[in-house]
PDB file of N, CA and C in Angstrom:
ATOM      1  N   MET A   1      31.969  27.060 -28.926  1.00  0.00           N
ATOM      2  CA  MET A   1      32.509  26.290 -27.835  1.00  0.00           C
ATOM      3  C   MET A   1      33.964  25.985 -28.129  1.00  0.00           C
ATOM      4  N   PHE A   2      34.729  25.939 -27.086  1.00  0.00           N
ATOM      5  CA  PHE A   2      36.122  25.558 -27.226  1.00  0.00           C
ATOM      6  C   PHE A   2      36.315  24.165 -26.656  1.00  0.00           C
ATOM      7  N   LYS A   3      36.962  23.310 -27.429  1.00  0.00           N
ATOM      8  CA  LYS A   3      37.290  21.966 -26.974  1.00  0.00           C
ATOM      9  C   LYS A   3      38.721  21.695 -27.410  1.00  0.00           C
ATOM     10  N   LYS A   4      39.542  21.365 -26.446  1.00  0.00           N
ATOM     11  CA  LYS A   4      40.961  21.118 -26.713  1.00  0.00           C
ATOM     12  C   LYS A   4      41.586  22.274 -27.482  1.00  0.00           C
ATOM     13  N   GLY A   5      41.193  23.484 -27.116  1.00  0.00           N
ATOM     14  CA  GLY A   5      41.783  24.666 -27.714  1.00  0.00           C
ATOM     15  C   GLY A   5      41.229  25.046 -29.073  1.00  0.00           C
ATOM     16  N   GLU A   6      40.268  24.288 -29.579  1.00  0.00           N
ATOM     17  CA  GLU A   6      39.690  24.593 -30.886  1.00  0.00           C
ATOM     18  C   GLU A   6      38.244  25.054 -30.730  1.00  0.00           C
ATOM     19  N   SER A   7      37.856  25.975 -31.559  1.00  0.00           N
ATOM     20  CA  SER A   7      36.481  26.436 -31.583  1.00  0.00           C
ATOM     21  C   SER A   7      35.654  25.454 -32.410  1.00  0.00           C
ATOM     22  N   ILE A   8      34.502  25.074 -31.890  1.00  0.00           N
ATOM     23  CA  ILE A   8      33.661  24.097 -32.573  1.00  0.00           C
ATOM     24  C   ILE A   8      32.303  24.704 -32.881  1.00  0.00           C
ATOM     25  N   LEU A   9      31.888  24.560 -34.112  1.00  0.00           N
ATOM     26  CA  LEU A   9      30.533  24.873 -34.541  1.00  0.00           C
ATOM     27  C   LEU A   9      30.031  23.649 -35.286  1.00  0.00           C
ATOM     28  N   ILE A  10      28.821  23.217 -34.953  1.00  0.00           N
ATOM     29  CA  ILE A  10      28.252  22.046 -35.607  1.00  0.00           C
ATOM     30  C   ILE A  10      27.010  22.486 -36.352  1.00  0.00           C
ATOM     31  N   SER A  11      26.988  22.201 -37.626  1.00  0.00           N
ATOM     32  CA  SER A  11      25.824  22.524 -38.442  1.00  0.00           C
ATOM     33  C   SER A  11      25.129  21.208 -38.795  1.00  0.00           C
ATOM     34  N   PHE A  12      23.877  21.055 -38.321  1.00  0.00           N
ATOM     35  CA  PHE A  12      23.143  19.814 -38.530  1.00  0.00           C
ATOM     36  C   PHE A  12      21.668  20.131 -38.689  1.00  0.00           C
ATOM     37  N   GLU A  13      21.092  19.613 -39.770  1.00  0.00           N
ATOM     38  CA  GLU A  13      19.664  19.793 -40.065  1.00  0.00           C
ATOM     39  C   GLU A  13      19.239  21.266 -39.980  1.00  0.00           C
ATOM     40  N   ASN A  14      19.980  22.112 -40.672  1.00  0.00           N
ATOM     41  CA  ASN A  14      19.662  23.539 -40.770  1.00  0.00           C
ATOM     42  C   ASN A  14      19.688  24.265 -39.422  1.00  0.00           C
ATOM     43  N   ARG A  15      20.490  23.777 -38.516  1.00  0.00           N
ATOM     44  CA  ARG A  15      20.625  24.418 -37.217  1.00  0.00           C
ATOM     45  C   ARG A  15      22.097  24.414 -36.836  1.00  0.00           C
ATOM     46  N   THR A  16      22.526  25.441 -36.126  1.00  0.00           N
ATOM     47  CA  THR A  16      23.897  25.533 -35.656  1.00  0.00           C
ATOM     48  C   THR A  16      23.930  25.227 -34.173  1.00  0.00           C
ATOM     49  N   TYR A  17      24.832  24.322 -33.820  1.00  0.00           N
ATOM     50  CA  TYR A  17      25.040  23.965 -32.422  1.00  0.00           C
ATOM     51  C   TYR A  17      26.410  24.473 -32.018  1.00  0.00           C
ATOM     52  N   TYR A  18      26.500  25.024 -30.831  1.00  0.00           N
ATOM     53  CA  TYR A  18      27.754  25.579 -30.350  1.00  0.00           C
ATOM     54  C   TYR A  18      28.459  24.636 -29.379  1.00  0.00           C
ATOM     55  N   CYS A  19      27.855  23.466 -29.177  1.00  0.00           N
ATOM     56  CA  CYS A  19      28.402  22.504 -28.234  1.00  0.00           C
ATOM     57  C   CYS A  19      27.914  21.115 -28.629  1.00  0.00           C
ATOM     58  N   PRO A  20      28.773  20.102 -28.641  1.00  0.00           N
ATOM     59  CA  PRO A  20      28.338  18.753 -28.984  1.00  0.00           C
ATOM     60  C   PRO A  20      27.274  18.202 -28.031  1.00  0.00           C
ATOM     61  N   VAL A  21      27.299  18.649 -26.768  1.00  0.00           N
ATOM     62  CA  VAL A  21      26.281  18.196 -25.815  1.00  0.00           C
ATOM     63  C   VAL A  21      24.912  18.713 -26.233  1.00  0.00           C
ATOM     64  N   GLU A  22      24.865  19.923 -26.744  1.00  0.00           N
ATOM     65  CA  GLU A  22      23.606  20.506 -27.214  1.00  0.00           C
ATOM     66  C   GLU A  22      23.020  19.664 -28.346  1.00  0.00           C
ATOM     67  N   LEU A  23      23.854  19.254 -29.282  1.00  0.00           N
ATOM     68  CA  LEU A  23      23.396  18.402 -30.381  1.00  0.00           C
ATOM     69  C   LEU A  23      22.930  17.052 -29.854  1.00  0.00           C
ATOM     70  N   ALA A  24      23.732  16.424 -28.993  1.00  0.00           N
ATOM     71  CA  ALA A  24      23.371  15.112 -28.447  1.00  0.00           C
ATOM     72  C   ALA A  24      22.048  15.172 -27.694  1.00  0.00           C
ATOM     73  N   MET A  25      21.854  16.199 -26.890  1.00  0.00           N
ATOM     74  CA  MET A  25      20.609  16.312 -26.134  1.00  0.00           C
ATOM     75  C   MET A  25      19.417  16.578 -27.044  1.00  0.00           C
ATOM     76  N   ASN A  26      19.647  17.239 -28.156  1.00  0.00           N
ATOM     77  CA  ASN A  26      18.562  17.441 -29.117  1.00  0.00           C
ATOM     78  C   ASN A  26      18.131  16.108 -29.722  1.00  0.00           C
ATOM     79  N   ILE A  27      19.088  15.201 -29.896  1.00  0.00           N
ATOM     80  CA  ILE A  27      18.784  13.910 -30.512  1.00  0.00           C
ATOM     81  C   ILE A  27      18.215  12.912 -29.502  1.00  0.00           C
ATOM     82  N   ILE A  28      18.811  12.801 -28.316  1.00  0.00           N
ATOM     83  CA  ILE A  28      18.372  11.779 -27.358  1.00  0.00           C
ATOM     84  C   ILE A  28      17.643  12.342 -26.155  1.00  0.00           C
ATOM     85  N   GLY A  29      17.508  13.662 -26.084  1.00  0.00           N
ATOM     86  CA  GLY A  29      16.868  14.278 -24.936  1.00  0.00           C
ATOM     87  C   GLY A  29      15.358  14.146 -24.961  1.00  0.00           C
ATOM     88  N   GLY A  30      14.716  14.897 -24.130  1.00  0.00           N
ATOM     89  CA  GLY A  30      13.275  14.805 -24.016  1.00  0.00           C
ATOM     90  C   GLY A  30      12.908  13.790 -22.951  1.00  0.00           C
ATOM     91  N   LYS A  31      11.636  13.572 -22.786  1.00  0.00           N
ATOM     92  CA  LYS A  31      11.162  12.725 -21.703  1.00  0.00           C
ATOM     93  C   LYS A  31      11.362  11.241 -21.962  1.00  0.00           C
ATOM     94  N   TRP A  32      11.261  10.792 -23.223  1.00  0.00           N
ATOM     95  CA  TRP A  32      11.181   9.363 -23.479  1.00  0.00           C
ATOM     96  C   TRP A  32      12.303   8.756 -24.316  1.00  0.00           C
ATOM     97  N   ARG A  33      12.993   9.502 -25.125  1.00  0.00           N
ATOM     98  CA  ARG A  33      13.971   8.904 -26.047  1.00  0.00           C
ATOM     99  C   ARG A  33      15.062   8.130 -25.330  1.00  0.00           C
ATOM    100  N   ALA A  34      15.695   8.729 -24.338  1.00  0.00           N
ATOM    101  CA  ALA A  34      16.760   8.025 -23.628  1.00  0.00           C
ATOM    102  C   ALA A  34      16.212   6.816 -22.874  1.00  0.00           C
ATOM    103  N   VAL A  35      14.990   6.915 -22.380  1.00  0.00           N
ATOM    104  CA  VAL A  35      14.371   5.797 -21.666  1.00  0.00           C
ATOM    105  C   VAL A  35      14.146   4.631 -22.627  1.00  0.00           C
ATOM    106  N   ILE A  36      13.633   4.922 -23.807  1.00  0.00           N
ATOM    107  CA  ILE A  36      13.429   3.893 -24.829  1.00  0.00           C
ATOM    108  C   ILE A  36      14.765   3.256 -25.195  1.00  0.00           C
ATOM    109  N   LEU A  37      15.780   4.067 -25.403  1.00  0.00           N
ATOM    110  CA  LEU A  37      17.115   3.546 -25.726  1.00  0.00           C
ATOM    111  C   LEU A  37      17.648   2.665 -24.608  1.00  0.00           C
ATOM    112  N   TRP A  38      17.425   3.065 -23.360  1.00  0.00           N
ATOM    113  CA  TRP A  38      17.927   2.290 -22.228  1.00  0.00           C
ATOM    114  C   TRP A  38      17.279   0.908 -22.190  1.00  0.00           C
ATOM    115  N   TYR A  39      15.974   0.841 -22.383  1.00  0.00           N
ATOM    116  CA  TYR A  39      15.313  -0.470 -22.395  1.00  0.00           C
ATOM    117  C   TYR A  39      15.780  -1.308 -23.587  1.00  0.00           C
ATOM    118  N   LEU A  40      15.987  -0.677 -24.725  1.00  0.00           N
ATOM    119  CA  LEU A  40      16.460  -1.424 -25.893  1.00  0.00           C
ATOM    120  C   LEU A  40      17.912  -1.872 -25.732  1.00  0.00           C
ATOM    121  N   SER A  41      18.651  -1.231 -24.846  1.00  0.00           N
ATOM    122  CA  SER A  41      20.038  -1.655 -24.619  1.00  0.00           C
ATOM    123  C   SER A  41      20.087  -3.043 -23.990  1.00  0.00           C
ATOM    124  N   LYS A  42      18.976  -3.497 -23.458  1.00  0.00           N
ATOM    125  CA  LYS A  42      18.897  -4.836 -22.857  1.00  0.00           C
ATOM    126  C   LYS A  42      18.531  -5.891 -23.892  1.00  0.00           C
ATOM    127  N   GLY A  43      18.106  -5.455 -25.096  1.00  0.00           N
ATOM    128  CA  GLY A  43      17.768  -6.404 -26.155  1.00  0.00           C
ATOM    129  C   GLY A  43      16.607  -5.923 -27.010  1.00  0.00           C
ATOM    130  N   THR A  44      16.335  -6.670 -28.071  1.00  0.00           N
ATOM    131  CA  THR A  44      15.244  -6.346 -28.990  1.00  0.00           C
ATOM    132  C   THR A  44      13.908  -6.427 -28.259  1.00  0.00           C
ATOM    133  N   LEU A  45      13.051  -5.442 -28.527  1.00  0.00           N
ATOM    134  CA  LEU A  45      11.720  -5.422 -27.919  1.00  0.00           C
ATOM    135  C   LEU A  45      10.661  -5.118 -28.967  1.00  0.00           C
ATOM    136  N   ARG A  46       9.488  -5.693 -28.757  1.00  0.00           N
ATOM    137  CA  ARG A  46       8.335  -5.368 -29.587  1.00  0.00           C
ATOM    138  C   ARG A  46       7.612  -4.177 -28.970  1.00  0.00           C
ATOM    139  N   PHE A  47       6.734  -3.566 -29.765  1.00  0.00           N
ATOM    140  CA  PHE A  47       6.003  -2.368 -29.341  1.00  0.00           C
ATOM    141  C   PHE A  47       5.352  -2.590 -27.977  1.00  0.00           C
ATOM    142  N   HIS A  48       4.588  -3.669 -27.842  1.00  0.00           N
ATOM    143  CA  HIS A  48       3.852  -3.888 -26.589  1.00  0.00           C
ATOM    144  C   HIS A  48       4.787  -4.181 -25.419  1.00  0.00           C
ATOM    145  N   GLU A  49       5.974  -4.717 -25.689  1.00  0.00           N
ATOM    146  CA  GLU A  49       6.938  -4.967 -24.620  1.00  0.00           C
ATOM    147  C   GLU A  49       7.514  -3.652 -24.090  1.00  0.00           C
ATOM    148  N   ILE A  50       7.766  -2.717 -24.995  1.00  0.00           N
ATOM    149  CA  ILE A  50       8.229  -1.390 -24.562  1.00  0.00           C
ATOM    150  C   ILE A  50       7.127  -0.720 -23.745  1.00  0.00           C
ATOM    151  N   LYS A  51       5.898  -0.818 -24.226  1.00  0.00           N
ATOM    152  CA  LYS A  51       4.753  -0.225 -23.535  1.00  0.00           C
ATOM    153  C   LYS A  51       4.615  -0.821 -22.134  1.00  0.00           C
ATOM    154  N   LYS A  52       4.854  -2.110 -22.006  1.00  0.00           N
ATOM    155  CA  LYS A  52       4.769  -2.775 -20.699  1.00  0.00           C
ATOM    156  C   LYS A  52       5.860  -2.254 -19.761  1.00  0.00           C
ATOM    157  N   GLU A  53       7.071  -2.071 -20.284  1.00  0.00           N
ATOM    158  CA  GLU A  53       8.182  -1.566 -19.466  1.00  0.00           C
ATOM    159  C   GLU A  53       7.977  -0.105 -19.066  1.00  0.00           C
ATOM    160  N   ILE A  54       7.449   0.693 -19.993  1.00  0.00           N
ATOM    161  CA  ILE A  54       7.252   2.123 -19.738  1.00  0.00           C
ATOM    162  C   ILE A  54       5.744   2.361 -19.688  1.00  0.00           C
ATOM    163  N   SER A  55       5.133   1.966 -18.603  1.00  0.00           N
ATOM    164  CA  SER A  55       3.664   1.966 -18.527  1.00  0.00           C
ATOM    165  C   SER A  55       3.041   3.352 -18.627  1.00  0.00           C
ATOM    166  N   THR A  56       3.791   4.401 -18.321  1.00  0.00           N
ATOM    167  CA  THR A  56       3.214   5.745 -18.345  1.00  0.00           C
ATOM    168  C   THR A  56       3.339   6.442 -19.698  1.00  0.00           C
ATOM    169  N   ILE A  57       3.963   5.799 -20.670  1.00  0.00           N
ATOM    170  CA  ILE A  57       4.092   6.407 -21.992  1.00  0.00           C
ATOM    171  C   ILE A  57       2.801   6.159 -22.783  1.00  0.00           C
ATOM    172  N   SER A  58       2.357   7.167 -23.502  1.00  0.00           N
ATOM    173  CA  SER A  58       1.144   6.997 -24.309  1.00  0.00           C
ATOM    174  C   SER A  58       1.488   6.250 -25.598  1.00  0.00           C
ATOM    175  N   GLU A  59       0.503   5.587 -26.173  1.00  0.00           N
ATOM    176  CA  GLU A  59       0.743   4.875 -27.426  1.00  0.00           C
ATOM    177  C   GLU A  59       1.124   5.829 -28.542  1.00  0.00           C
ATOM    178  N   ARG A  60       0.561   7.017 -28.528  1.00  0.00           N
ATOM    179  CA  ARG A  60       0.875   8.025 -29.542  1.00  0.00           C
ATOM    180  C   ARG A  60       2.362   8.385 -29.492  1.00  0.00           C
ATOM    181  N   VAL A  61       2.856   8.636 -28.288  1.00  0.00           N
ATOM    182  CA  VAL A  61       4.274   8.998 -28.119  1.00  0.00           C
ATOM    183  C   VAL A  61       5.157   7.798 -28.447  1.00  0.00           C
ATOM    184  N   LEU A  62       4.718   6.608 -28.038  1.00  0.00           N
ATOM    185  CA  LEU A  62       5.498   5.408 -28.316  1.00  0.00           C
ATOM    186  C   LEU A  62       5.535   5.090 -29.807  1.00  0.00           C
ATOM    187  N   SER A  63       4.578   5.584 -30.547  1.00  0.00           N
ATOM    188  CA  SER A  63       4.627   5.431 -32.007  1.00  0.00           C
ATOM    189  C   SER A  63       5.558   6.457 -32.636  1.00  0.00           C
ATOM    190  N   LYS A  64       5.610   7.645 -32.034  1.00  0.00           N
ATOM    191  CA  LYS A  64       6.371   8.763 -32.599  1.00  0.00           C
ATOM    192  C   LYS A  64       7.867   8.718 -32.266  1.00  0.00           C
ATOM    193  N   GLU A  65       8.221   8.496 -31.001  1.00  0.00           N
ATOM    194  CA  GLU A  65       9.611   8.619 -30.569  1.00  0.00           C
ATOM    195  C   GLU A  65      10.556   7.595 -31.217  1.00  0.00           C
ATOM    196  N   PRO A  66      10.166   6.319 -31.336  1.00  0.00           N
ATOM    197  CA  PRO A  66      11.076   5.397 -32.029  1.00  0.00           C
ATOM    198  C   PRO A  66      11.347   5.799 -33.478  1.00  0.00           C
ATOM    199  N   ARG A  67      10.394   6.416 -34.129  1.00  0.00           N
ATOM    200  CA  ARG A  67      10.627   6.881 -35.507  1.00  0.00           C
ATOM    201  C   ARG A  67      11.693   7.959 -35.536  1.00  0.00           C
ATOM    202  N   ALA A  68      11.680   8.837 -34.537  1.00  0.00           N
ATOM    203  CA  ALA A  68      12.715   9.876 -34.452  1.00  0.00           C
ATOM    204  C   ALA A  68      14.077   9.238 -34.198  1.00  0.00           C
ATOM    205  N   LEU A  69      14.121   8.246 -33.322  1.00  0.00           N
ATOM    206  CA  LEU A  69      15.387   7.555 -33.042  1.00  0.00           C
ATOM    207  C   LEU A  69      15.868   6.785 -34.265  1.00  0.00           C
ATOM    208  N   GLU A  70      14.924   6.261 -35.039  1.00  0.00           N
ATOM    209  CA  GLU A  70      15.274   5.561 -36.282  1.00  0.00           C
ATOM    210  C   GLU A  70      15.829   6.549 -37.305  1.00  0.00           C
ATOM    211  N   LYS A  71      15.257   7.728 -37.350  1.00  0.00           N
ATOM    212  CA  LYS A  71      15.732   8.770 -38.273  1.00  0.00           C
ATOM    213  C   LYS A  71      17.205   9.090 -38.029  1.00  0.00           C
ATOM    214  N   TYR A  72      17.622   9.061 -36.768  1.00  0.00           N
ATOM    215  CA  TYR A  72      19.010   9.362 -36.420  1.00  0.00           C
ATOM    216  C   TYR A  72      19.876   8.106 -36.384  1.00  0.00           C
ATOM    217  N   ASN A  73      19.367   6.994 -36.901  1.00  0.00           N
ATOM    218  CA  ASN A  73      20.093   5.730 -37.008  1.00  0.00           C
ATOM    219  C   ASN A  73      20.539   5.178 -35.643  1.00  0.00           C
ATOM    220  N   LEU A  74      19.711   5.415 -34.611  1.00  0.00           N
ATOM    221  CA  LEU A  74      20.009   4.883 -33.289  1.00  0.00           C
ATOM    222  C   LEU A  74      19.283   3.562 -33.048  1.00  0.00           C
ATOM    223  N   ILE A  75      18.151   3.375 -33.724  1.00  0.00           N
ATOM    224  CA  ILE A  75      17.436   2.103 -33.623  1.00  0.00           C
ATOM    225  C   ILE A  75      17.002   1.645 -35.011  1.00  0.00           C
ATOM    226  N   GLU A  76      16.763   0.349 -35.123  1.00  0.00           N
ATOM    227  CA  GLU A  76      16.192  -0.233 -36.335  1.00  0.00           C
ATOM    228  C   GLU A  76      14.797  -0.722 -35.990  1.00  0.00           C
ATOM    229  N   ARG A  77      13.895  -0.517 -36.902  1.00  0.00           N
ATOM    230  CA  ARG A  77      12.520  -0.987 -36.726  1.00  0.00           C
ATOM    231  C   ARG A  77      12.260  -2.034 -37.792  1.00  0.00           C
ATOM    232  N   LYS A  78      11.917  -3.230 -37.370  1.00  0.00           N
ATOM    233  CA  LYS A  78      11.636  -4.304 -38.315  1.00  0.00           C
ATOM    234  C   LYS A  78      10.152  -4.622 -38.252  1.00  0.00           C
ATOM    235  N   ILE A  79       9.511  -4.531 -39.406  1.00  0.00           N
ATOM    236  CA  ILE A  79       8.078  -4.782 -39.500  1.00  0.00           C
ATOM    237  C   ILE A  79       7.863  -6.123 -40.193  1.00  0.00           C
ATOM    238  N   TYR A  80       7.113  -6.986 -39.538  1.00  0.00           N
ATOM    239  CA  TYR A  80       6.787  -8.289 -40.113  1.00  0.00           C
ATOM    240  C   TYR A  80       5.413  -8.194 -40.780  1.00  0.00           C
ATOM    241  N   PRO A  81       5.312  -8.658 -42.035  1.00  0.00           N
ATOM    242  CA  PRO A  81       4.036  -8.554 -42.761  1.00  0.00           C
ATOM    243  C   PRO A  81       3.054  -9.641 -42.306  1.00  0.00           C
ATOM    244  N   GLU A  82       2.420  -9.394 -41.192  1.00  0.00           N
ATOM    245  CA  GLU A  82       1.427 -10.328 -40.686  1.00  0.00           C
ATOM    246  C   GLU A  82       0.321  -9.546 -39.992  1.00  0.00           C
ATOM    247  N   VAL A  83      -0.762 -10.232 -39.708  1.00  0.00           N
ATOM    248  CA  VAL A  83      -1.897  -9.602 -39.038  1.00  0.00           C
ATOM    249  C   VAL A  83      -2.089 -10.313 -37.702  1.00  0.00           C
ATOM    250  N   PRO A  84      -2.122  -9.588 -36.591  1.00  0.00           N
ATOM    251  CA  PRO A  84      -1.839  -8.157 -36.473  1.00  0.00           C
ATOM    252  C   PRO A  84      -0.358  -7.881 -36.737  1.00  0.00           C
ATOM    253  N   PRO A  85      -0.044  -6.628 -37.087  1.00  0.00           N
ATOM    254  CA  PRO A  85       1.342  -6.290 -37.423  1.00  0.00           C
ATOM    255  C   PRO A  85       2.282  -6.543 -36.240  1.00  0.00           C
ATOM    256  N   LYS A  86       3.441  -7.057 -36.554  1.00  0.00           N
ATOM    257  CA  LYS A  86       4.478  -7.295 -35.551  1.00  0.00           C
ATOM    258  C   LYS A  86       5.638  -6.365 -35.882  1.00  0.00           C
ATOM    259  N   VAL A  87       6.041  -5.566 -34.893  1.00  0.00           N
ATOM    260  CA  VAL A  87       7.141  -4.620 -35.069  1.00  0.00           C
ATOM    261  C   VAL A  87       8.148  -4.852 -33.951  1.00  0.00           C
ATOM    262  N   GLU A  88       9.415  -4.971 -34.332  1.00  0.00           N
ATOM    263  CA  GLU A  88      10.486  -5.130 -33.362  1.00  0.00           C
ATOM    264  C   GLU A  88      11.461  -3.961 -33.476  1.00  0.00           C
ATOM    265  N   TYR A  89      11.962  -3.540 -32.328  1.00  0.00           N
ATOM    266  CA  TYR A  89      12.920  -2.444 -32.268  1.00  0.00           C
ATOM    267  C   TYR A  89      14.234  -2.965 -31.703  1.00  0.00           C
ATOM    268  N   THR A  90      15.334  -2.597 -32.335  1.00  0.00           N
ATOM    269  CA  THR A  90      16.670  -3.016 -31.932  1.00  0.00           C
ATOM    270  C   THR A  90      17.616  -1.831 -32.044  1.00  0.00           C
ATOM    271  N   LEU A  91      18.587  -1.744 -31.144  1.00  0.00           N
ATOM    272  CA  LEU A  91      19.608  -0.708 -31.263  1.00  0.00           C
ATOM    273  C   LEU A  91      20.523  -1.003 -32.441  1.00  0.00           C
ATOM    274  N   THR A  92      20.925   0.034 -33.141  1.00  0.00           N
ATOM    275  CA  THR A  92      21.963  -0.073 -34.168  1.00  0.00           C
ATOM    276  C   THR A  92      23.321  -0.014 -33.454  1.00  0.00           C
ATOM    277  N   ASP A  93      24.389  -0.163 -34.207  1.00  0.00           N
ATOM    278  CA  ASP A  93      25.724  -0.013 -33.612  1.00  0.00           C
ATOM    279  C   ASP A  93      25.883   1.375 -32.999  1.00  0.00           C
ATOM    280  N   LEU A  94      25.387   2.387 -33.698  1.00  0.00           N
ATOM    281  CA  LEU A  94      25.460   3.753 -33.170  1.00  0.00           C
ATOM    282  C   LEU A  94      24.644   3.870 -31.887  1.00  0.00           C
ATOM    283  N   GLY A  95      23.473   3.281 -31.867  1.00  0.00           N
ATOM    284  CA  GLY A  95      22.649   3.286 -30.661  1.00  0.00           C
ATOM    285  C   GLY A  95      23.317   2.552 -29.511  1.00  0.00           C
ATOM    286  N   ARG A  96      23.948   1.411 -29.812  1.00  0.00           N
ATOM    287  CA  ARG A  96      24.652   0.646 -28.783  1.00  0.00           C
ATOM    288  C   ARG A  96      25.825   1.439 -28.204  1.00  0.00           C
ATOM    289  N   SER A  97      26.372   2.359 -28.979  1.00  0.00           N
ATOM    290  CA  SER A  97      27.482   3.162 -28.461  1.00  0.00           C
ATOM    291  C   SER A  97      27.033   4.062 -27.303  1.00  0.00           C
ATOM    292  N   LEU A  98      25.734   4.250 -27.159  1.00  0.00           N
ATOM    293  CA  LEU A  98      25.199   5.061 -26.062  1.00  0.00           C
ATOM    294  C   LEU A  98      25.002   4.260 -24.780  1.00  0.00           C
ATOM    295  N   THR A  99      25.107   2.931 -24.846  1.00  0.00           N
ATOM    296  CA  THR A  99      24.815   2.083 -23.689  1.00  0.00           C
ATOM    297  C   THR A  99      25.624   2.453 -22.448  1.00  0.00           C
ATOM    298  N   PRO A 100      26.941   2.658 -22.541  1.00  0.00           N
ATOM    299  CA  PRO A 100      27.678   3.045 -21.321  1.00  0.00           C
ATOM    300  C   PRO A 100      27.167   4.360 -20.722  1.00  0.00           C
ATOM    301  N   LEU A 101      26.829   5.309 -21.564  1.00  0.00           N
ATOM    302  CA  LEU A 101      26.294   6.585 -21.085  1.00  0.00           C
ATOM    303  C   LEU A 101      24.946   6.372 -20.397  1.00  0.00           C
ATOM    304  N   LEU A 102      24.062   5.585 -21.020  1.00  0.00           N
ATOM    305  CA  LEU A 102      22.740   5.326 -20.445  1.00  0.00           C
ATOM    306  C   LEU A 102      22.859   4.580 -19.118  1.00  0.00           C
ATOM    307  N   ASP A 103      23.794   3.647 -19.034  1.00  0.00           N
ATOM    308  CA  ASP A 103      24.024   2.939 -17.767  1.00  0.00           C
ATOM    309  C   ASP A 103      24.477   3.912 -16.688  1.00  0.00           C
ATOM    310  N   GLN A 104      25.346   4.854 -17.042  1.00  0.00           N
ATOM    311  CA  GLN A 104      25.808   5.844 -16.069  1.00  0.00           C
ATOM    312  C   GLN A 104      24.670   6.768 -15.634  1.00  0.00           C
ATOM    313  N   VAL A 105      23.825   7.156 -16.567  1.00  0.00           N
ATOM    314  CA  VAL A 105      22.668   7.995 -16.228  1.00  0.00           C
ATOM    315  C   VAL A 105      21.734   7.220 -15.301  1.00  0.00           C
ATOM    316  N   SER A 106      21.530   5.930 -15.581  1.00  0.00           N
ATOM    317  CA  SER A 106      20.707   5.081 -14.713  1.00  0.00           C
ATOM    318  C   SER A 106      21.311   4.994 -13.313  1.00  0.00           C
ATOM    319  N   ASN A 107      22.611   4.774 -13.237  1.00  0.00           N
ATOM    320  CA  ASN A 107      23.292   4.706 -11.937  1.00  0.00           C
ATOM    321  C   ASN A 107      23.156   6.019 -11.174  1.00  0.00           C
ATOM    322  N   PHE A 108      23.282   7.126 -11.888  1.00  0.00           N
ATOM    323  CA  PHE A 108      23.119   8.439 -11.253  1.00  0.00           C
ATOM    324  C   PHE A 108      21.703   8.578 -10.693  1.00  0.00           C
ATOM    325  N   GLY A 109      20.702   8.208 -11.499  1.00  0.00           N
ATOM    326  CA  GLY A 109      19.314   8.315 -11.044  1.00  0.00           C
ATOM    327  C   GLY A 109      19.052   7.485  -9.804  1.00  0.00           C
ATOM    328  N   GLU A 110      19.618   6.272  -9.768  1.00  0.00           N
ATOM    329  CA  GLU A 110      19.438   5.412  -8.595  1.00  0.00           C
ATOM    330  C   GLU A 110      20.150   5.999  -7.379  1.00  0.00           C
ATOM    331  N   SER A 111      21.380   6.446  -7.547  1.00  0.00           N
ATOM    332  CA  SER A 111      22.132   7.053  -6.432  1.00  0.00           C
ATOM    333  C   SER A 111      21.445   8.307  -5.923  1.00  0.00           C
ATOM    334  N   PHE A 112      20.980   9.124  -6.838  1.00  0.00           N
ATOM    335  CA  PHE A 112      20.297  10.364  -6.479  1.00  0.00           C
ATOM    336  C   PHE A 112      19.042  10.054  -5.675  1.00  0.00           C
ATOM    337  N   SER A 113      18.262   9.068  -6.144  1.00  0.00           N
ATOM    338  CA  SER A 113      17.011   8.745  -5.449  1.00  0.00           C
ATOM    339  C   SER A 113      17.288   8.130  -4.073  1.00  0.00           C
ATOM    340  N   LYS A 114      18.361   7.341  -3.946  1.00  0.00           N
ATOM    341  CA  LYS A 114      18.730   6.794  -2.634  1.00  0.00           C
ATOM    342  C   LYS A 114      19.115   7.921  -1.680  1.00  0.00           C
ATOM    343  N   ARG A 115      19.879   8.870  -2.202  1.00  0.00           N
ATOM    344  CA  ARG A 115      20.360   9.976  -1.367  1.00  0.00           C
ATOM    345  C   ARG A 115      19.217  10.777  -0.768  1.00  0.00           C
ATOM    346  N   PHE A 116      18.140  10.915  -1.534  1.00  0.00           N
ATOM    347  CA  PHE A 116      17.010  11.714  -1.075  1.00  0.00           C
ATOM    348  C   PHE A 116      15.836  10.856  -0.598  1.00  0.00           C
ATOM    349  N   GLY A 117      16.105   9.573  -0.373  1.00  0.00           N
ATOM    350  CA  GLY A 117      15.096   8.688   0.187  1.00  0.00           C
ATOM    351  C   GLY A 117      13.908   8.429  -0.704  1.00  0.00           C
ATOM    352  N   ALA A 118      14.102   8.523  -2.008  1.00  0.00           N
ATOM    353  CA  ALA A 118      12.979   8.362  -2.937  1.00  0.00           C
ATOM    354  C   ALA A 118      12.958   7.003  -3.617  1.00  0.00           C
ATOM    355  N   LEU A 119      13.959   6.168  -3.377  1.00  0.00           N
ATOM    356  CA  LEU A 119      14.044   4.876  -4.064  1.00  0.00           C
ATOM    357  C   LEU A 119      13.154   3.859  -3.365  1.00  0.00           C
ATOM    358  N   LYS A 120      12.271   3.245  -4.143  1.00  0.00           N
ATOM    359  CA  LYS A 120      11.406   2.187  -3.642  1.00  0.00           C
ATOM    360  C   LYS A 120      11.546   1.007  -4.583  1.00  0.00           C
ATOM    361  N   LYS A 121      11.938  -0.118  -4.067  1.00  0.00           N
ATOM    362  CA  LYS A 121      12.091  -1.316  -4.894  1.00  0.00           C
ATOM    363  C   LYS A 121      10.737  -2.019  -4.967  1.00  0.00           C
ATOM    364  N   THR A 122      10.403  -2.463  -6.177  1.00  0.00           N
ATOM    365  CA  THR A 122       9.178  -3.241  -6.353  1.00  0.00           C
ATOM    366  C   THR A 122       9.566  -4.605  -6.880  1.00  0.00           C
ATOM    367  N   GLY A 123       8.845  -5.609  -6.514  1.00  0.00           N
ATOM    368  CA  GLY A 123       9.145  -6.955  -7.002  1.00  0.00           C
ATOM    369  C   GLY A 123       8.578  -7.165  -8.377  1.00  0.00           C
ATOM    370  N   LYS A 124       9.401  -7.678  -9.296  1.00  0.00           N
ATOM    371  CA  LYS A 124       8.911  -7.955 -10.657  1.00  0.00           C
ATOM    372  C   LYS A 124       9.016  -9.409 -10.917  1.00  0.00           C
TER     373      LYS A 124
END
């Protein structure tokens, strides 16, 4: 890829990326990662609070995806030693740097759905 007249190759985790967008989408892409990050951009949440916000996510996926985001230092997971276990998820500084992008993606989704008559507001 060329950016500002320079050729860019990114080598990360034994893979070569030819574009920074390709790398970013590998890290935050997929069905749930960006959604989890977007909800966490509003503040610290516990496992069941994320599950409540994203009702269609399975518990298995909700256990797996935050670990991947933690691996890339986008979120912190704090485990409290109590029964039942209490786990809180918070964005790191690096994760918070994605907030403007996530807000723009959210705005796009809302505008897109309005344009095609798919937006339905529900009372919470």
